[in-house]
Amino acid sequence: MRIRTKKRIPKKIVRLEISGELKEIIIKEDFMRPNDAFISLCFREKNSSGIIDLTLKEIEMINKEVESKLNLLKGDKVMKFRK
């Protein structure tokens, strides 16, 4: 997993790039308020770690985008050639 972000510090913007292995996915939901559920993606590397929280709407948006791209791959075939 690779995360690229920008952080504003006084008088300039610093770009940060963090990479790490996805360690855990946590789904947090309240049965009384199911629309307030969110998913936490926890990652860790030797020098960095973090948690990315995604709301239900953000997950649905990502799912919609990925599904539309997967439809393009269904018609492909892998051809193997013998030497």
PDB file of N, CA and C in Angstrom:
ATOM      1  N   MET A   1       0.840  -1.157   0.000  1.00  0.00           N
ATOM      2  CA  MET A   1       0.000   0.000   0.000  1.00  0.00           C
ATOM      3  C   MET A   1       0.891   1.227   0.000  1.00  0.00           C
ATOM      4  N   ARG A   2       0.544   2.190  -0.831  1.00  0.00           N
ATOM      5  CA  ARG A   2       1.338   3.410  -0.918  1.00  0.00           C
ATOM      6  C   ARG A   2       0.414   4.611  -0.753  1.00  0.00           C
ATOM      7  N   ILE A   3       0.797   5.540   0.091  1.00  0.00           N
ATOM      8  CA  ILE A   3       0.012   6.738   0.351  1.00  0.00           C
ATOM      9  C   ILE A   3       0.858   7.944  -0.003  1.00  0.00           C
ATOM     10  N   ARG A   4       0.273   8.825  -0.808  1.00  0.00           N
ATOM     11  CA  ARG A   4       0.934  10.085  -1.148  1.00  0.00           C
ATOM     12  C   ARG A   4       0.037  11.221  -0.682  1.00  0.00           C
ATOM     13  N   THR A   5       0.614  12.173   0.035  1.00  0.00           N
ATOM     14  CA  THR A   5      -0.164  13.278   0.570  1.00  0.00           C
ATOM     15  C   THR A   5       0.675  14.548   0.602  1.00  0.00           C
ATOM     16  N   LYS A   6      -0.003  15.666   0.782  1.00  0.00           N
ATOM     17  CA  LYS A   6       0.674  16.952   0.921  1.00  0.00           C
ATOM     18  C   LYS A   6       0.332  17.527   2.284  1.00  0.00           C
ATOM     19  N   LYS A   7       1.312  18.166   2.897  1.00  0.00           N
ATOM     20  CA  LYS A   7       1.110  18.771   4.203  1.00  0.00           C
ATOM     21  C   LYS A   7       1.598  20.212   4.143  1.00  0.00           C
ATOM     22  N   ARG A   8       0.771  21.102   4.623  1.00  0.00           N
ATOM     23  CA  ARG A   8       1.143  22.523   4.607  1.00  0.00           C
ATOM     24  C   ARG A   8       1.825  22.869   5.924  1.00  0.00           C
ATOM     25  N   ILE A   9       3.036  23.371   5.816  1.00  0.00           N
ATOM     26  CA  ILE A   9       3.751  23.902   6.967  1.00  0.00           C
ATOM     27  C   ILE A   9       3.988  25.378   6.668  1.00  0.00           C
ATOM     28  N   PRO A  10       4.360  26.153   7.649  1.00  0.00           N
ATOM     29  CA  PRO A  10       4.507  27.597   7.387  1.00  0.00           C
ATOM     30  C   PRO A  10       5.381  27.895   6.162  1.00  0.00           C
ATOM     31  N   LYS A  11       4.802  28.628   5.228  1.00  0.00           N
ATOM     32  CA  LYS A  11       5.465  29.159   4.028  1.00  0.00           C
ATOM     33  C   LYS A  11       5.733  28.141   2.931  1.00  0.00           C
ATOM     34  N   LYS A  12       5.375  26.861   3.099  1.00  0.00           N
ATOM     35  CA  LYS A  12       5.584  25.913   2.006  1.00  0.00           C
ATOM     36  C   LYS A  12       4.715  24.674   2.183  1.00  0.00           C
ATOM     37  N   ILE A  13       4.660  23.881   1.122  1.00  0.00           N
ATOM     38  CA  ILE A  13       3.928  22.625   1.130  1.00  0.00           C
ATOM     39  C   ILE A  13       4.931  21.485   0.985  1.00  0.00           C
ATOM     40  N   VAL A  14       4.820  20.500   1.854  1.00  0.00           N
ATOM     41  CA  VAL A  14       5.723  19.352   1.842  1.00  0.00           C
ATOM     42  C   VAL A  14       4.935  18.142   1.344  1.00  0.00           C
ATOM     43  N   ARG A  15       5.515  17.408   0.417  1.00  0.00           N
ATOM     44  CA  ARG A  15       4.894  16.181  -0.077  1.00  0.00           C
ATOM     45  C   ARG A  15       5.453  14.992   0.681  1.00  0.00           C
ATOM     46  N   LEU A  16       4.554  14.138   1.133  1.00  0.00           N
ATOM     47  CA  LEU A  16       4.946  12.947   1.872  1.00  0.00           C
ATOM     48  C   LEU A  16       4.511  11.711   1.099  1.00  0.00           C
ATOM     49  N   GLU A  17       5.365  10.718   1.070  1.00  0.00           N
ATOM     50  CA  GLU A  17       5.016   9.437   0.454  1.00  0.00           C
ATOM     51  C   GLU A  17       5.362   8.345   1.445  1.00  0.00           C
ATOM     52  N   ILE A  18       4.343   7.583   1.803  1.00  0.00           N
ATOM     53  CA  ILE A  18       4.495   6.519   2.786  1.00  0.00           C
ATOM     54  C   ILE A  18       4.057   5.214   2.137  1.00  0.00           C
ATOM     55  N   SER A  19       4.824   4.172   2.349  1.00  0.00           N
ATOM     56  CA  SER A  19       4.400   2.871   1.852  1.00  0.00           C
ATOM     57  C   SER A  19       4.474   1.879   3.001  1.00  0.00           C
ATOM     58  N   GLY A  20       3.603   0.898   2.944  1.00  0.00           N
ATOM     59  CA  GLY A  20       3.579  -0.090   4.003  1.00  0.00           C
ATOM     60  C   GLY A  20       2.672  -1.228   3.639  1.00  0.00           C
ATOM     61  N   GLU A  21       2.639  -2.217   4.473  1.00  0.00           N
ATOM     62  CA  GLU A  21       1.818  -3.396   4.254  1.00  0.00           C
ATOM     63  C   GLU A  21       0.505  -3.237   5.002  1.00  0.00           C
ATOM     64  N   LEU A  22      -0.591  -3.564   4.340  1.00  0.00           N
ATOM     65  CA  LEU A  22      -1.896  -3.512   4.960  1.00  0.00           C
ATOM     66  C   LEU A  22      -1.968  -4.613   6.010  1.00  0.00           C
ATOM     67  N   LYS A  23      -2.141  -4.243   7.269  1.00  0.00           N
ATOM     68  CA  LYS A  23      -2.101  -5.208   8.363  1.00  0.00           C
ATOM     69  C   LYS A  23      -3.487  -5.635   8.826  1.00  0.00           C
ATOM     70  N   GLU A  24      -4.446  -4.687   8.823  1.00  0.00           N
ATOM     71  CA  GLU A  24      -5.743  -5.005   9.395  1.00  0.00           C
ATOM     72  C   GLU A  24      -6.822  -4.110   8.790  1.00  0.00           C
ATOM     73  N   ILE A  25      -8.001  -4.656   8.643  1.00  0.00           N
ATOM     74  CA  ILE A  25      -9.166  -3.890   8.194  1.00  0.00           C
ATOM     75  C   ILE A  25     -10.211  -4.009   9.293  1.00  0.00           C
ATOM     76  N   ILE A  26     -10.639  -2.856   9.819  1.00  0.00           N
ATOM     77  CA  ILE A  26     -11.595  -2.836  10.916  1.00  0.00           C
ATOM     78  C   ILE A  26     -12.872  -2.160  10.431  1.00  0.00           C
ATOM     79  N   ILE A  27     -13.997  -2.805  10.640  1.00  0.00           N
ATOM     80  CA  ILE A  27     -15.292  -2.229  10.292  1.00  0.00           C
ATOM     81  C   ILE A  27     -15.956  -1.795  11.589  1.00  0.00           C
ATOM     82  N   LYS A  28     -16.213  -0.489  11.702  1.00  0.00           N
ATOM     83  CA  LYS A  28     -16.838   0.053  12.908  1.00  0.00           C
ATOM     84  C   LYS A  28     -18.230   0.537  12.539  1.00  0.00           C
ATOM     85  N   GLU A  29     -19.205  -0.007  13.232  1.00  0.00           N
ATOM     86  CA  GLU A  29     -20.577   0.406  12.969  1.00  0.00           C
ATOM     87  C   GLU A  29     -21.369   0.440  14.262  1.00  0.00           C
ATOM     88  N   ASP A  30     -22.371   1.290  14.269  1.00  0.00           N
ATOM     89  CA  ASP A  30     -23.278   1.409  15.390  1.00  0.00           C
ATOM     90  C   ASP A  30     -24.638   0.915  14.915  1.00  0.00           C
ATOM     91  N   PHE A  31     -25.185  -0.076  15.596  1.00  0.00           N
ATOM     92  CA  PHE A  31     -26.460  -0.642  15.160  1.00  0.00           C
ATOM     93  C   PHE A  31     -27.598   0.375  15.227  1.00  0.00           C
ATOM     94  N   MET A  32     -27.453   1.370  16.075  1.00  0.00           N
ATOM     95  CA  MET A  32     -28.489   2.405  16.176  1.00  0.00           C
ATOM     96  C   MET A  32     -28.389   3.412  15.025  1.00  0.00           C
ATOM     97  N   ARG A  33     -27.182   3.601  14.493  1.00  0.00           N
ATOM     98  CA  ARG A  33     -26.959   4.527  13.367  1.00  0.00           C
ATOM     99  C   ARG A  33     -26.132   3.819  12.294  1.00  0.00           C
ATOM    100  N   PRO A  34     -26.755   2.982  11.465  1.00  0.00           N
ATOM    101  CA  PRO A  34     -25.994   2.206  10.470  1.00  0.00           C
ATOM    102  C   PRO A  34     -25.366   3.067   9.373  1.00  0.00           C
ATOM    103  N   ASN A  35     -25.894   4.265   9.132  1.00  0.00           N
ATOM    104  CA  ASN A  35     -25.323   5.133   8.092  1.00  0.00           C
ATOM    105  C   ASN A  35     -24.023   5.787   8.526  1.00  0.00           C
ATOM    106  N   ASP A  36     -23.691   5.735   9.817  1.00  0.00           N
ATOM    107  CA  ASP A  36     -22.456   6.333  10.324  1.00  0.00           C
ATOM    108  C   ASP A  36     -21.303   5.337  10.390  1.00  0.00           C
ATOM    109  N   ALA A  37     -21.453   4.184   9.772  1.00  0.00           N
ATOM    110  CA  ALA A  37     -20.403   3.162   9.793  1.00  0.00           C
ATOM    111  C   ALA A  37     -19.186   3.644   8.993  1.00  0.00           C
ATOM    112  N   PHE A  38     -18.015   3.170   9.381  1.00  0.00           N
ATOM    113  CA  PHE A  38     -16.807   3.461   8.611  1.00  0.00           C
ATOM    114  C   PHE A  38     -15.840   2.298   8.706  1.00  0.00           C
ATOM    115  N   ILE A  39     -14.912   2.279   7.768  1.00  0.00           N
ATOM    116  CA  ILE A  39     -13.920   1.213   7.682  1.00  0.00           C
ATOM    117  C   ILE A  39     -12.538   1.822   7.908  1.00  0.00           C
ATOM    118  N   SER A  40     -11.761   1.188   8.749  1.00  0.00           N
ATOM    119  CA  SER A  40     -10.395   1.635   9.030  1.00  0.00           C
ATOM    120  C   SER A  40      -9.418   0.684   8.360  1.00  0.00           C
ATOM    121  N   LEU A  41      -8.519   1.230   7.564  1.00  0.00           N
ATOM    122  CA  LEU A  41      -7.440   0.466   6.945  1.00  0.00           C
ATOM    123  C   LEU A  41      -6.162   0.762   7.731  1.00  0.00           C
ATOM    124  N   CYS A  42      -5.620  -0.235   8.389  1.00  0.00           N
ATOM    125  CA  CYS A  42      -4.432  -0.055   9.220  1.00  0.00           C
ATOM    126  C   CYS A  42      -3.211  -0.594   8.474  1.00  0.00           C
ATOM    127  N   PHE A  43      -2.173   0.225   8.381  1.00  0.00           N
ATOM    128  CA  PHE A  43      -0.961  -0.198   7.686  1.00  0.00           C
ATOM    129  C   PHE A  43       0.253   0.101   8.542  1.00  0.00           C
ATOM    130  N   ARG A  44       1.355  -0.635   8.240  1.00  0.00           N
ATOM    131  CA  ARG A  44       2.577  -0.463   9.003  1.00  0.00           C
ATOM    132  C   ARG A  44       3.781  -0.842   8.160  1.00  0.00           C
ATOM    133  N   GLU A  45       4.840  -0.075   8.326  1.00  0.00           N
ATOM    134  CA  GLU A  45       6.141  -0.366   7.748  1.00  0.00           C
ATOM    135  C   GLU A  45       7.181  -0.111   8.825  1.00  0.00           C
ATOM    136  N   LYS A  46       8.421  -0.300   8.504  1.00  0.00           N
ATOM    137  CA  LYS A  46       9.482  -0.132   9.497  1.00  0.00           C
ATOM    138  C   LYS A  46       9.514   1.295  10.063  1.00  0.00           C
ATOM    139  N   ASN A  47       9.399   2.292   9.196  1.00  0.00           N
ATOM    140  CA  ASN A  47       9.525   3.676   9.632  1.00  0.00           C
ATOM    141  C   ASN A  47       8.203   4.450   9.664  1.00  0.00           C
ATOM    142  N   SER A  48       7.102   3.825   9.308  1.00  0.00           N
ATOM    143  CA  SER A  48       5.839   4.553   9.269  1.00  0.00           C
ATOM    144  C   SER A  48       4.671   3.624   9.532  1.00  0.00           C
ATOM    145  N   SER A  49       3.586   4.206   9.988  1.00  0.00           N
ATOM    146  CA  SER A  49       2.348   3.464  10.183  1.00  0.00           C
ATOM    147  C   SER A  49       1.207   4.460  10.184  1.00  0.00           C
ATOM    148  N   GLY A  50       0.002   3.962  10.021  1.00  0.00           N
ATOM    149  CA  GLY A  50      -1.137   4.855  10.026  1.00  0.00           C
ATOM    150  C   GLY A  50      -2.439   4.127   9.854  1.00  0.00           C
ATOM    151  N   ILE A  51      -3.505   4.904   9.943  1.00  0.00           N
ATOM    152  CA  ILE A  51      -4.863   4.392   9.781  1.00  0.00           C
ATOM    153  C   ILE A  51      -5.601   5.322   8.836  1.00  0.00           C
ATOM    154  N   ILE A  52      -6.273   4.739   7.868  1.00  0.00           N
ATOM    155  CA  ILE A  52      -7.108   5.496   6.942  1.00  0.00           C
ATOM    156  C   ILE A  52      -8.549   5.123   7.233  1.00  0.00           C
ATOM    157  N   ASP A  53      -9.374   6.123   7.582  1.00  0.00           N
ATOM    158  CA  ASP A  53     -10.787   5.889   7.842  1.00  0.00           C
ATOM    159  C   ASP A  53     -11.595   6.290   6.616  1.00  0.00           C
ATOM    160  N   LEU A  54     -12.451   5.392   6.157  1.00  0.00           N
ATOM    161  CA  LEU A  54     -13.315   5.639   5.010  1.00  0.00           C
ATOM    162  C   LEU A  54     -14.765   5.488   5.435  1.00  0.00           C
ATOM    163  N   THR A  55     -15.602   6.457   5.024  1.00  0.00           N
ATOM    164  CA  THR A  55     -17.021   6.371   5.337  1.00  0.00           C
ATOM    165  C   THR A  55     -17.707   5.426   4.363  1.00  0.00           C
ATOM    166  N   LEU A  56     -18.946   5.115   4.654  1.00  0.00           N
ATOM    167  CA  LEU A  56     -19.723   4.218   3.808  1.00  0.00           C
ATOM    168  C   LEU A  56     -19.891   4.792   2.402  1.00  0.00           C
ATOM    169  N   LYS A  57     -20.116   6.097   2.300  1.00  0.00           N
ATOM    170  CA  LYS A  57     -20.268   6.740   0.985  1.00  0.00           C
ATOM    171  C   LYS A  57     -18.974   6.666   0.180  1.00  0.00           C
ATOM    172  N   GLU A  58     -17.840   6.845   0.837  1.00  0.00           N
ATOM    173  CA  GLU A  58     -16.551   6.769   0.146  1.00  0.00           C
ATOM    174  C   GLU A  58     -16.283   5.352  -0.352  1.00  0.00           C
ATOM    175  N   ILE A  59     -16.622   4.341   0.451  1.00  0.00           N
ATOM    176  CA  ILE A  59     -16.449   2.946   0.043  1.00  0.00           C
ATOM    177  C   ILE A  59     -17.327   2.637  -1.161  1.00  0.00           C
ATOM    178  N   GLU A  60     -18.572   3.110  -1.135  1.00  0.00           N
ATOM    179  CA  GLU A  60     -19.481   2.883  -2.259  1.00  0.00           C
ATOM    180  C   GLU A  60     -18.959   3.541  -3.528  1.00  0.00           C
ATOM    181  N   MET A  61     -18.392   4.753  -3.403  1.00  0.00           N
ATOM    182  CA  MET A  61     -17.834   5.452  -4.559  1.00  0.00           C
ATOM    183  C   MET A  61     -16.637   4.681  -5.129  1.00  0.00           C
ATOM    184  N   ILE A  62     -15.760   4.188  -4.272  1.00  0.00           N
ATOM    185  CA  ILE A  62     -14.603   3.417  -4.717  1.00  0.00           C
ATOM    186  C   ILE A  62     -15.064   2.126  -5.389  1.00  0.00           C
ATOM    187  N   ASN A  63     -16.037   1.463  -4.784  1.00  0.00           N
ATOM    188  CA  ASN A  63     -16.561   0.213  -5.339  1.00  0.00           C
ATOM    189  C   ASN A  63     -17.158   0.447  -6.728  1.00  0.00           C
ATOM    190  N   LYS A  64     -17.884   1.524  -6.891  1.00  0.00           N
ATOM    191  CA  LYS A  64     -18.500   1.849  -8.181  1.00  0.00           C
ATOM    192  C   LYS A  64     -17.434   2.080  -9.254  1.00  0.00           C
ATOM    193  N   GLU A  65     -16.383   2.801  -8.909  1.00  0.00           N
ATOM    194  CA  GLU A  65     -15.300   3.077  -9.859  1.00  0.00           C
ATOM    195  C   GLU A  65     -14.546   1.800 -10.232  1.00  0.00           C
ATOM    196  N   VAL A  66     -14.248   0.971  -9.253  1.00  0.00           N
ATOM    197  CA  VAL A  66     -13.497  -0.255  -9.513  1.00  0.00           C
ATOM    198  C   VAL A  66     -14.333  -1.225 -10.347  1.00  0.00           C
ATOM    199  N   GLU A  67     -15.620  -1.350 -10.039  1.00  0.00           N
ATOM    200  CA  GLU A  67     -16.487  -2.248 -10.810  1.00  0.00           C
ATOM    201  C   GLU A  67     -16.553  -1.848 -12.275  1.00  0.00           C
ATOM    202  N   SER A  68     -16.613  -0.540 -12.540  1.00  0.00           N
ATOM    203  CA  SER A  68     -16.680  -0.097 -13.932  1.00  0.00           C
ATOM    204  C   SER A  68     -15.387  -0.424 -14.679  1.00  0.00           C
ATOM    205  N   LYS A  69     -14.271  -0.415 -14.007  1.00  0.00           N
ATOM    206  CA  LYS A  69     -12.987  -0.747 -14.642  1.00  0.00           C
ATOM    207  C   LYS A  69     -12.817  -2.253 -14.813  1.00  0.00           C
ATOM    208  N   LEU A  70     -13.375  -3.055 -13.907  1.00  0.00           N
ATOM    209  CA  LEU A  70     -13.259  -4.507 -14.010  1.00  0.00           C
ATOM    210  C   LEU A  70     -14.019  -5.043 -15.214  1.00  0.00           C
ATOM    211  N   ASN A  71     -15.082  -4.369 -15.613  1.00  0.00           N
ATOM    212  CA  ASN A  71     -15.842  -4.799 -16.783  1.00  0.00           C
ATOM    213  C   ASN A  71     -14.984  -4.762 -18.045  1.00  0.00           C
ATOM    214  N   LEU A  72     -14.017  -3.881 -18.092  1.00  0.00           N
ATOM    215  CA  LEU A  72     -13.126  -3.789 -19.244  1.00  0.00           C
ATOM    216  C   LEU A  72     -12.215  -5.011 -19.350  1.00  0.00           C
ATOM    217  N   LEU A  73     -11.905  -5.636 -18.224  1.00  0.00           N
ATOM    218  CA  LEU A  73     -10.967  -6.753 -18.213  1.00  0.00           C
ATOM    219  C   LEU A  73     -11.614  -8.101 -18.497  1.00  0.00           C
ATOM    220  N   LYS A  74     -12.936  -8.193 -18.465  1.00  0.00           N
ATOM    221  CA  LYS A  74     -13.598  -9.486 -18.632  1.00  0.00           C
ATOM    222  C   LYS A  74     -13.382 -10.096 -20.004  1.00  0.00           C
ATOM    223  N   GLY A  75     -13.186  -9.278 -21.034  1.00  0.00           N
ATOM    224  CA  GLY A  75     -13.036  -9.816 -22.382  1.00  0.00           C
ATOM    225  C   GLY A  75     -11.623 -10.212 -22.736  1.00  0.00           C
ATOM    226  N   ASP A  76     -10.651  -9.986 -21.864  1.00  0.00           N
ATOM    227  CA  ASP A  76      -9.263 -10.310 -22.162  1.00  0.00           C
ATOM    228  C   ASP A  76      -8.994 -11.796 -21.958  1.00  0.00           C
ATOM    229  N   LYS A  77      -8.086 -12.314 -22.769  1.00  0.00           N
ATOM    230  CA  LYS A  77      -7.651 -13.700 -22.634  1.00  0.00           C
ATOM    231  C   LYS A  77      -6.129 -13.712 -22.564  1.00  0.00           C
ATOM    232  N   VAL A  78      -5.615 -14.619 -21.770  1.00  0.00           N
ATOM    233  CA  VAL A  78      -4.168 -14.779 -21.670  1.00  0.00           C
ATOM    234  C   VAL A  78      -3.769 -15.907 -22.576  1.00  0.00           C
ATOM    235  N   MET A  79      -2.807 -15.631 -23.453  1.00  0.00           N
ATOM    236  CA  MET A  79      -2.333 -16.638 -24.397  1.00  0.00           C
ATOM    237  C   MET A  79      -0.940 -17.095 -23.985  1.00  0.00           C
ATOM    238  N   LYS A  80      -0.723 -18.395 -23.934  1.00  0.00           N
ATOM    239  CA  LYS A  80       0.585 -18.938 -23.588  1.00  0.00           C
ATOM    240  C   LYS A  80       1.159 -19.611 -24.820  1.00  0.00           C
ATOM    241  N   PHE A  81       2.424 -19.342 -25.059  1.00  0.00           N
ATOM    242  CA  PHE A  81       3.112 -19.909 -26.209  1.00  0.00           C
ATOM    243  C   PHE A  81       4.179 -20.884 -25.734  1.00  0.00           C
ATOM    244  N   ARG A  82       4.290 -21.987 -26.420  1.00  0.00           N
ATOM    245  CA  ARG A  82       5.325 -22.969 -26.112  1.00  0.00           C
ATOM    246  C   ARG A  82       6.586 -22.622 -26.854  1.00  0.00           C
ATOM    247  N   LYS A  83       7.707 -22.935 -26.242  1.00  0.00           N
ATOM    248  CA  LYS A  83       8.995 -22.659 -26.883  1.00  0.00           C
ATOM    249  C   LYS A  83       9.391 -23.776 -27.797  1.00  0.00           C
TER     250      LYS A  83
END
